Amino acid sequence: MRTCLHCPHEGPDDTFAHYKDAKGKLRPRNVCSECHRRLAAHRQAEYKERNLEHVREAQRLRKYLKYHNDPEFRARCLEDAKRKP
């Protein structure tokens, strides 16, 4: 039984976040899966706040490339543009 470092959760190893070590074996962390997801979302939000212009530029580039390389996506975009007044 493990105890989470961030909340009072106690449980078996399969309810905790894990990582792969150098040999490829799954190793549990001392943080439950729920806290791990919450902390990861918080880190991602902080990154977006600090690097907002970089993130937006990358999003624009991905959409531009998808628009020019994926004919189905391009057709949907053109249909949506025709529907809007």
PDB file of N, CA and C in Angstrom:
ATOM      1  N   MET A   1       0.839  -1.186   0.000  1.00  0.00           N
ATOM      2  CA  MET A   1       0.000   0.000   0.000  1.00  0.00           C
ATOM      3  C   MET A   1       0.882   1.247   0.000  1.00  0.00           C
ATOM      4  N   ARG A   2       0.495   2.191  -0.812  1.00  0.00           N
ATOM      5  CA  ARG A   2       1.216   3.457  -0.899  1.00  0.00           C
ATOM      6  C   ARG A   2       0.324   4.591  -0.415  1.00  0.00           C
ATOM      7  N   THR A   3       0.953   5.688  -0.045  1.00  0.00           N
ATOM      8  CA  THR A   3       0.242   6.894   0.347  1.00  0.00           C
ATOM      9  C   THR A   3       0.691   8.020  -0.575  1.00  0.00           C
ATOM     10  N   CYS A   4      -0.269   8.762  -1.106  1.00  0.00           N
ATOM     11  CA  CYS A   4       0.031   9.867  -2.024  1.00  0.00           C
ATOM     12  C   CYS A   4       0.682  11.014  -1.255  1.00  0.00           C
ATOM     13  N   LEU A   5       1.631  11.693  -1.912  1.00  0.00           N
ATOM     14  CA  LEU A   5       2.297  12.831  -1.289  1.00  0.00           C
ATOM     15  C   LEU A   5       1.420  14.077  -1.243  1.00  0.00           C
ATOM     16  N   HIS A   6       0.410  14.161  -2.114  1.00  0.00           N
ATOM     17  CA  HIS A   6      -0.389  15.377  -2.242  1.00  0.00           C
ATOM     18  C   HIS A   6      -1.795  15.279  -1.671  1.00  0.00           C
ATOM     19  N   CYS A   7      -2.265  14.095  -1.416  1.00  0.00           N
ATOM     20  CA  CYS A   7      -3.622  13.937  -0.874  1.00  0.00           C
ATOM     21  C   CYS A   7      -3.619  12.729   0.069  1.00  0.00           C
ATOM     22  N   PRO A   8      -4.707  12.489   0.791  1.00  0.00           N
ATOM     23  CA  PRO A   8      -4.727  11.382   1.750  1.00  0.00           C
ATOM     24  C   PRO A   8      -5.016  10.018   1.129  1.00  0.00           C
ATOM     25  N   HIS A   9      -4.919   9.907  -0.190  1.00  0.00           N
ATOM     26  CA  HIS A   9      -5.229   8.649  -0.871  1.00  0.00           C
ATOM     27  C   HIS A   9      -4.240   7.553  -0.480  1.00  0.00           C
ATOM     28  N   GLU A  10      -4.776   6.388  -0.149  1.00  0.00           N
ATOM     29  CA  GLU A  10      -3.960   5.200   0.099  1.00  0.00           C
ATOM     30  C   GLU A  10      -4.498   4.086  -0.764  1.00  0.00           C
ATOM     31  N   GLY A  11      -3.608   3.307  -1.359  1.00  0.00           N
ATOM     32  CA  GLY A  11      -4.080   2.223  -2.193  1.00  0.00           C
ATOM     33  C   GLY A  11      -2.946   1.407  -2.768  1.00  0.00           C
ATOM     34  N   PRO A  12      -3.304   0.431  -3.595  1.00  0.00           N
ATOM     35  CA  PRO A  12      -2.278  -0.416  -4.223  1.00  0.00           C
ATOM     36  C   PRO A  12      -1.524   0.357  -5.314  1.00  0.00           C
ATOM     37  N   ASP A  13      -0.444  -0.248  -5.782  1.00  0.00           N
ATOM     38  CA  ASP A  13       0.423   0.423  -6.760  1.00  0.00           C
ATOM     39  C   ASP A  13      -0.283   0.764  -8.064  1.00  0.00           C
ATOM     40  N   ASP A  14      -1.303   0.001  -8.467  1.00  0.00           N
ATOM     41  CA  ASP A  14      -1.933   0.260  -9.763  1.00  0.00           C
ATOM     42  C   ASP A  14      -2.790   1.526  -9.761  1.00  0.00           C
ATOM     43  N   THR A  15      -3.062   2.137  -8.593  1.00  0.00           N
ATOM     44  CA  THR A  15      -3.819   3.388  -8.548  1.00  0.00           C
ATOM     45  C   THR A  15      -2.893   4.601  -8.538  1.00  0.00           C
ATOM     46  N   PHE A  16      -1.589   4.381  -8.659  1.00  0.00           N
ATOM     47  CA  PHE A  16      -0.625   5.467  -8.648  1.00  0.00           C
ATOM     48  C   PHE A  16      -0.033   5.662 -10.035  1.00  0.00           C
ATOM     49  N   ALA A  17       0.432   6.890 -10.292  1.00  0.00           N
ATOM     50  CA  ALA A  17       1.087   7.188 -11.565  1.00  0.00           C
ATOM     51  C   ALA A  17       2.363   6.368 -11.656  1.00  0.00           C
ATOM     52  N   HIS A  18       2.817   6.096 -12.876  1.00  0.00           N
ATOM     53  CA  HIS A  18       4.009   5.289 -13.054  1.00  0.00           C
ATOM     54  C   HIS A  18       4.853   5.825 -14.214  1.00  0.00           C
ATOM     55  N   TYR A  19       6.064   5.359 -14.302  1.00  0.00           N
ATOM     56  CA  TYR A  19       6.976   5.715 -15.382  1.00  0.00           C
ATOM     57  C   TYR A  19       7.766   4.480 -15.755  1.00  0.00           C
ATOM     58  N   LYS A  20       8.415   4.512 -16.914  1.00  0.00           N
ATOM     59  CA  LYS A  20       9.257   3.393 -17.345  1.00  0.00           C
ATOM     60  C   LYS A  20      10.704   3.716 -17.011  1.00  0.00           C
ATOM     61  N   ASP A  21      11.378   2.781 -16.358  1.00  0.00           N
ATOM     62  CA  ASP A  21      12.786   2.988 -16.058  1.00  0.00           C
ATOM     63  C   ASP A  21      13.633   2.628 -17.281  1.00  0.00           C
ATOM     64  N   ALA A  22      14.944   2.646 -17.143  1.00  0.00           N
ATOM     65  CA  ALA A  22      15.850   2.412 -18.267  1.00  0.00           C
ATOM     66  C   ALA A  22      15.686   1.020 -18.868  1.00  0.00           C
ATOM     67  N   LYS A  23      15.268   0.061 -18.074  1.00  0.00           N
ATOM     68  CA  LYS A  23      15.083  -1.302 -18.567  1.00  0.00           C
ATOM     69  C   LYS A  23      13.691  -1.540 -19.139  1.00  0.00           C
ATOM     70  N   GLY A  24      12.828  -0.520 -19.103  1.00  0.00           N
ATOM     71  CA  GLY A  24      11.487  -0.654 -19.646  1.00  0.00           C
ATOM     72  C   GLY A  24      10.466  -1.155 -18.647  1.00  0.00           C
ATOM     73  N   LYS A  25      10.855  -1.290 -17.394  1.00  0.00           N
ATOM     74  CA  LYS A  25       9.940  -1.778 -16.358  1.00  0.00           C
ATOM     75  C   LYS A  25       9.130  -0.606 -15.795  1.00  0.00           C
ATOM     76  N   LEU A  26       7.833  -0.820 -15.568  1.00  0.00           N
ATOM     77  CA  LEU A  26       6.994   0.226 -15.003  1.00  0.00           C
ATOM     78  C   LEU A  26       7.305   0.388 -13.516  1.00  0.00           C
ATOM     79  N   ARG A  27       7.563   1.618 -13.101  1.00  0.00           N
ATOM     80  CA  ARG A  27       7.884   1.913 -11.712  1.00  0.00           C
ATOM     81  C   ARG A  27       6.846   2.899 -11.187  1.00  0.00           C
ATOM     82  N   PRO A  28       6.205   2.620 -10.068  1.00  0.00           N
ATOM     83  CA  PRO A  28       5.194   3.546  -9.539  1.00  0.00           C
ATOM     84  C   PRO A  28       5.826   4.783  -8.904  1.00  0.00           C
ATOM     85  N   ARG A  29       5.115   5.893  -8.977  1.00  0.00           N
ATOM     86  CA  ARG A  29       5.533   7.127  -8.308  1.00  0.00           C
ATOM     87  C   ARG A  29       4.806   7.194  -6.965  1.00  0.00           C
ATOM     88  N   ASN A  30       5.128   8.184  -6.157  1.00  0.00           N
ATOM     89  CA  ASN A  30       4.452   8.364  -4.877  1.00  0.00           C
ATOM     90  C   ASN A  30       3.332   9.391  -4.979  1.00  0.00           C
ATOM     91  N   VAL A  31       2.757   9.513  -6.181  1.00  0.00           N
ATOM     92  CA  VAL A  31       1.653  10.432  -6.427  1.00  0.00           C
ATOM     93  C   VAL A  31       0.545   9.638  -7.105  1.00  0.00           C
ATOM     94  N   CYS A  32      -0.682   9.759  -6.611  1.00  0.00           N
ATOM     95  CA  CYS A  32      -1.790   9.001  -7.211  1.00  0.00           C
ATOM     96  C   CYS A  32      -2.084   9.535  -8.616  1.00  0.00           C
ATOM     97  N   SER A  33      -2.773   8.760  -9.407  1.00  0.00           N
ATOM     98  CA  SER A  33      -3.037   9.122 -10.808  1.00  0.00           C
ATOM     99  C   SER A  33      -3.832  10.411 -10.922  1.00  0.00           C
ATOM    100  N   GLU A  34      -4.791  10.616 -10.019  1.00  0.00           N
ATOM    101  CA  GLU A  34      -5.617  11.822 -10.073  1.00  0.00           C
ATOM    102  C   GLU A  34      -4.781  13.072  -9.812  1.00  0.00           C
ATOM    103  N   CYS A  35      -3.934  13.047  -8.795  1.00  0.00           N
ATOM    104  CA  CYS A  35      -3.068  14.191  -8.503  1.00  0.00           C
ATOM    105  C   CYS A  35      -2.069  14.401  -9.634  1.00  0.00           C
ATOM    106  N   HIS A  36      -1.570  13.334 -10.207  1.00  0.00           N
ATOM    107  CA  HIS A  36      -0.621  13.438 -11.308  1.00  0.00           C
ATOM    108  C   HIS A  36      -1.258  14.142 -12.505  1.00  0.00           C
ATOM    109  N   ARG A  37      -2.493  13.794 -12.842  1.00  0.00           N
ATOM    110  CA  ARG A  37      -3.199  14.455 -13.959  1.00  0.00           C
ATOM    111  C   ARG A  37      -3.422  15.930 -13.656  1.00  0.00           C
ATOM    112  N   ARG A  38      -3.840  16.227 -12.415  1.00  0.00           N
ATOM    113  CA  ARG A  38      -4.107  17.607 -12.038  1.00  0.00           C
ATOM    114  C   ARG A  38      -2.824  18.440 -12.111  1.00  0.00           C
ATOM    115  N   LEU A  39      -1.710  17.909 -11.613  1.00  0.00           N
ATOM    116  CA  LEU A  39      -0.437  18.623 -11.650  1.00  0.00           C
ATOM    117  C   LEU A  39       0.062  18.804 -13.084  1.00  0.00           C
ATOM    118  N   ALA A  40      -0.148  17.799 -13.938  1.00  0.00           N
ATOM    119  CA  ALA A  40       0.267  17.905 -15.338  1.00  0.00           C
ATOM    120  C   ALA A  40      -0.527  18.995 -16.055  1.00  0.00           C
ATOM    121  N   ALA A  41      -1.820  19.084 -15.790  1.00  0.00           N
ATOM    122  CA  ALA A  41      -2.648  20.122 -16.397  1.00  0.00           C
ATOM    123  C   ALA A  41      -2.199  21.503 -15.917  1.00  0.00           C
ATOM    124  N   HIS A  42      -1.847  21.608 -14.649  1.00  0.00           N
ATOM    125  CA  HIS A  42      -1.373  22.876 -14.102  1.00  0.00           C
ATOM    126  C   HIS A  42      -0.047  23.289 -14.755  1.00  0.00           C
ATOM    127  N   ARG A  43       0.878  22.332 -14.921  1.00  0.00           N
ATOM    128  CA  ARG A  43       2.148  22.633 -15.583  1.00  0.00           C
ATOM    129  C   ARG A  43       1.929  23.071 -17.028  1.00  0.00           C
ATOM    130  N   GLN A  44       0.993  22.410 -17.718  1.00  0.00           N
ATOM    131  CA  GLN A  44       0.719  22.767 -19.106  1.00  0.00           C
ATOM    132  C   GLN A  44       0.137  24.178 -19.192  1.00  0.00           C
ATOM    133  N   ALA A  45      -0.764  24.531 -18.270  1.00  0.00           N
ATOM    134  CA  ALA A  45      -1.351  25.866 -18.265  1.00  0.00           C
ATOM    135  C   ALA A  45      -0.290  26.929 -17.989  1.00  0.00           C
ATOM    136  N   GLU A  46       0.624  26.660 -17.073  1.00  0.00           N
ATOM    137  CA  GLU A  46       1.707  27.605 -16.795  1.00  0.00           C
ATOM    138  C   GLU A  46       2.601  27.793 -18.016  1.00  0.00           C
ATOM    139  N   TYR A  47       2.903  26.695 -18.707  1.00  0.00           N
ATOM    140  CA  TYR A  47       3.726  26.783 -19.919  1.00  0.00           C
ATOM    141  C   TYR A  47       3.041  27.648 -20.962  1.00  0.00           C
ATOM    142  N   LYS A  48       1.723  27.443 -21.135  1.00  0.00           N
ATOM    143  CA  LYS A  48       0.994  28.233 -22.131  1.00  0.00           C
ATOM    144  C   LYS A  48       0.982  29.709 -21.765  1.00  0.00           C
ATOM    145  N   GLU A  49       0.889  30.024 -20.462  1.00  0.00           N
ATOM    146  CA  GLU A  49       0.916  31.430 -20.048  1.00  0.00           C
ATOM    147  C   GLU A  49       2.263  32.064 -20.367  1.00  0.00           C
ATOM    148  N   ARG A  50       3.337  31.348 -20.088  1.00  0.00           N
ATOM    149  CA  ARG A  50       4.674  31.902 -20.313  1.00  0.00           C
ATOM    150  C   ARG A  50       5.011  32.002 -21.791  1.00  0.00           C
ATOM    151  N   ASN A  51       4.581  31.049 -22.601  1.00  0.00           N
ATOM    152  CA  ASN A  51       4.975  30.968 -24.010  1.00  0.00           C
ATOM    153  C   ASN A  51       3.774  31.065 -24.938  1.00  0.00           C
ATOM    154  N   LEU A  52       2.857  31.958 -24.647  1.00  0.00           N
ATOM    155  CA  LEU A  52       1.602  32.025 -25.389  1.00  0.00           C
ATOM    156  C   LEU A  52       1.825  32.275 -26.878  1.00  0.00           C
ATOM    157  N   GLU A  53       2.709  33.221 -27.218  1.00  0.00           N
ATOM    158  CA  GLU A  53       2.912  33.531 -28.631  1.00  0.00           C
ATOM    159  C   GLU A  53       3.526  32.343 -29.376  1.00  0.00           C
ATOM    160  N   HIS A  54       4.437  31.650 -28.748  1.00  0.00           N
ATOM    161  CA  HIS A  54       5.052  30.469 -29.359  1.00  0.00           C
ATOM    162  C   HIS A  54       4.003  29.377 -29.576  1.00  0.00           C
ATOM    163  N   VAL A  55       3.131  29.155 -28.576  1.00  0.00           N
ATOM    164  CA  VAL A  55       2.094  28.125 -28.678  1.00  0.00           C
ATOM    165  C   VAL A  55       1.120  28.462 -29.799  1.00  0.00           C
ATOM    166  N   ARG A  56       0.708  29.725 -29.875  1.00  0.00           N
ATOM    167  CA  ARG A  56      -0.233  30.125 -30.931  1.00  0.00           C
ATOM    168  C   ARG A  56       0.386  30.000 -32.318  1.00  0.00           C
ATOM    169  N   GLU A  57       1.647  30.363 -32.437  1.00  0.00           N
ATOM    170  CA  GLU A  57       2.321  30.239 -33.732  1.00  0.00           C
ATOM    171  C   GLU A  57       2.397  28.776 -34.165  1.00  0.00           C
ATOM    172  N   ALA A  58       2.680  27.874 -33.221  1.00  0.00           N
ATOM    173  CA  ALA A  58       2.736  26.446 -33.534  1.00  0.00           C
ATOM    174  C   ALA A  58       1.356  25.934 -33.947  1.00  0.00           C
ATOM    175  N   GLN A  59       0.293  26.410 -33.275  1.00  0.00           N
ATOM    176  CA  GLN A  59      -1.067  26.007 -33.651  1.00  0.00           C
ATOM    177  C   GLN A  59      -1.408  26.485 -35.058  1.00  0.00           C
ATOM    178  N   ARG A  60      -1.045  27.746 -35.354  1.00  0.00           N
ATOM    179  CA  ARG A  60      -1.302  28.279 -36.703  1.00  0.00           C
ATOM    180  C   ARG A  60      -0.578  27.460 -37.763  1.00  0.00           C
ATOM    181  N   LEU A  61       0.661  27.103 -37.482  1.00  0.00           N
ATOM    182  CA  LEU A  61       1.444  26.328 -38.442  1.00  0.00           C
ATOM    183  C   LEU A  61       0.840  24.944 -38.658  1.00  0.00           C
ATOM    184  N   ARG A  62       0.413  24.276 -37.573  1.00  0.00           N
ATOM    185  CA  ARG A  62      -0.207  22.953 -37.717  1.00  0.00           C
ATOM    186  C   ARG A  62      -1.489  23.030 -38.542  1.00  0.00           C
ATOM    187  N   LYS A  63      -2.325  24.047 -38.290  1.00  0.00           N
ATOM    188  CA  LYS A  63      -3.564  24.183 -39.045  1.00  0.00           C
ATOM    189  C   LYS A  63      -3.269  24.501 -40.510  1.00  0.00           C
ATOM    190  N   TYR A  64      -2.273  25.347 -40.765  1.00  0.00           N
ATOM    191  CA  TYR A  64      -1.895  25.689 -42.135  1.00  0.00           C
ATOM    192  C   TYR A  64      -1.450  24.437 -42.883  1.00  0.00           C
ATOM    193  N   LEU A  65      -0.584  23.644 -42.258  1.00  0.00           N
ATOM    194  CA  LEU A  65      -0.102  22.430 -42.921  1.00  0.00           C
ATOM    195  C   LEU A  65      -1.229  21.425 -43.136  1.00  0.00           C
ATOM    196  N   LYS A  66      -2.126  21.286 -42.155  1.00  0.00           N
ATOM    197  CA  LYS A  66      -3.244  20.352 -42.303  1.00  0.00           C
ATOM    198  C   LYS A  66      -4.174  20.819 -43.422  1.00  0.00           C
ATOM    199  N   TYR A  67      -4.417  22.119 -43.488  1.00  0.00           N
ATOM    200  CA  TYR A  67      -5.291  22.671 -44.517  1.00  0.00           C
ATOM    201  C   TYR A  67      -4.745  22.377 -45.906  1.00  0.00           C
ATOM    202  N   HIS A  68      -3.428  22.499 -46.086  1.00  0.00           N
ATOM    203  CA  HIS A  68      -2.839  22.311 -47.407  1.00  0.00           C
ATOM    204  C   HIS A  68      -2.502  20.865 -47.734  1.00  0.00           C
ATOM    205  N   ASN A  69      -2.485  19.976 -46.750  1.00  0.00           N
ATOM    206  CA  ASN A  69      -2.126  18.581 -47.004  1.00  0.00           C
ATOM    207  C   ASN A  69      -3.289  17.600 -46.873  1.00  0.00           C
ATOM    208  N   ASP A  70      -4.384  18.004 -46.262  1.00  0.00           N
ATOM    209  CA  ASP A  70      -5.508  17.105 -46.031  1.00  0.00           C
ATOM    210  C   ASP A  70      -6.726  17.615 -46.806  1.00  0.00           C
ATOM    211  N   PRO A  71      -7.082  16.981 -47.925  1.00  0.00           N
ATOM    212  CA  PRO A  71      -8.197  17.486 -48.741  1.00  0.00           C
ATOM    213  C   PRO A  71      -9.549  17.445 -48.024  1.00  0.00           C
ATOM    214  N   GLU A  72      -9.780  16.457 -47.162  1.00  0.00           N
ATOM    215  CA  GLU A  72     -11.048  16.390 -46.437  1.00  0.00           C
ATOM    216  C   GLU A  72     -11.175  17.561 -45.463  1.00  0.00           C
ATOM    217  N   PHE A  73     -10.105  17.869 -44.744  1.00  0.00           N
ATOM    218  CA  PHE A  73     -10.116  18.993 -43.811  1.00  0.00           C
ATOM    219  C   PHE A  73     -10.337  20.305 -44.564  1.00  0.00           C
ATOM    220  N   ARG A  74      -9.689  20.441 -45.705  1.00  0.00           N
ATOM    221  CA  ARG A  74      -9.846  21.655 -46.507  1.00  0.00           C
ATOM    222  C   ARG A  74     -11.281  21.804 -46.994  1.00  0.00           C
ATOM    223  N   ALA A  75     -11.895  20.693 -47.421  1.00  0.00           N
ATOM    224  CA  ALA A  75     -13.285  20.750 -47.881  1.00  0.00           C
ATOM    225  C   ALA A  75     -14.217  21.166 -46.743  1.00  0.00           C
ATOM    226  N   ARG A  76     -13.979  20.630 -45.537  1.00  0.00           N
ATOM    227  CA  ARG A  76     -14.802  21.027 -44.382  1.00  0.00           C
ATOM    228  C   ARG A  76     -14.646  22.506 -44.069  1.00  0.00           C
ATOM    229  N   CYS A  77     -13.410  23.016 -44.151  1.00  0.00           N
ATOM    230  CA  CYS A  77     -13.172  24.438 -43.886  1.00  0.00           C
ATOM    231  C   CYS A  77     -13.891  25.308 -44.911  1.00  0.00           C
ATOM    232  N   LEU A  78     -13.851  24.906 -46.169  1.00  0.00           N
ATOM    233  CA  LEU A  78     -14.524  25.680 -47.212  1.00  0.00           C
ATOM    234  C   LEU A  78     -16.034  25.649 -47.040  1.00  0.00           C
ATOM    235  N   GLU A  79     -16.589  24.493 -46.649  1.00  0.00           N
ATOM    236  CA  GLU A  79     -18.026  24.404 -46.390  1.00  0.00           C
ATOM    237  C   GLU A  79     -18.429  25.282 -45.218  1.00  0.00           C
ATOM    238  N   ASP A  80     -17.626  25.264 -44.168  1.00  0.00           N
ATOM    239  CA  ASP A  80     -17.929  26.109 -43.006  1.00  0.00           C
ATOM    240  C   ASP A  80     -17.868  27.588 -43.371  1.00  0.00           C
ATOM    241  N   ALA A  81     -16.932  27.953 -44.218  1.00  0.00           N
ATOM    242  CA  ALA A  81     -16.806  29.349 -44.637  1.00  0.00           C
ATOM    243  C   ALA A  81     -18.004  29.785 -45.479  1.00  0.00           C
ATOM    244  N   LYS A  82     -18.555  28.870 -46.283  1.00  0.00           N
ATOM    245  CA  LYS A  82     -19.710  29.204 -47.113  1.00  0.00           C
ATOM    246  C   LYS A  82     -20.966  29.373 -46.254  1.00  0.00           C
ATOM    247  N   ARG A  83     -21.075  28.575 -45.174  1.00  0.00           N
ATOM    248  CA  ARG A  83     -22.262  28.658 -44.306  1.00  0.00           C
ATOM    249  C   ARG A  83     -22.313  29.930 -43.501  1.00  0.00           C
ATOM    250  N   LYS A  84     -21.156  30.462 -43.137  1.00  0.00           N
ATOM    251  CA  LYS A  84     -21.131  31.684 -42.321  1.00  0.00           C
ATOM    252  C   LYS A  84     -21.458  32.880 -43.188  1.00  0.00           C
ATOM    253  N   PRO A  85     -22.261  33.819 -42.672  1.00  0.00           N
ATOM    254  CA  PRO A  85     -22.637  34.988 -43.483  1.00  0.00           C
ATOM    255  C   PRO A  85     -21.523  35.982 -43.649  1.00  0.00           C
TER     256      PRO A  85
END
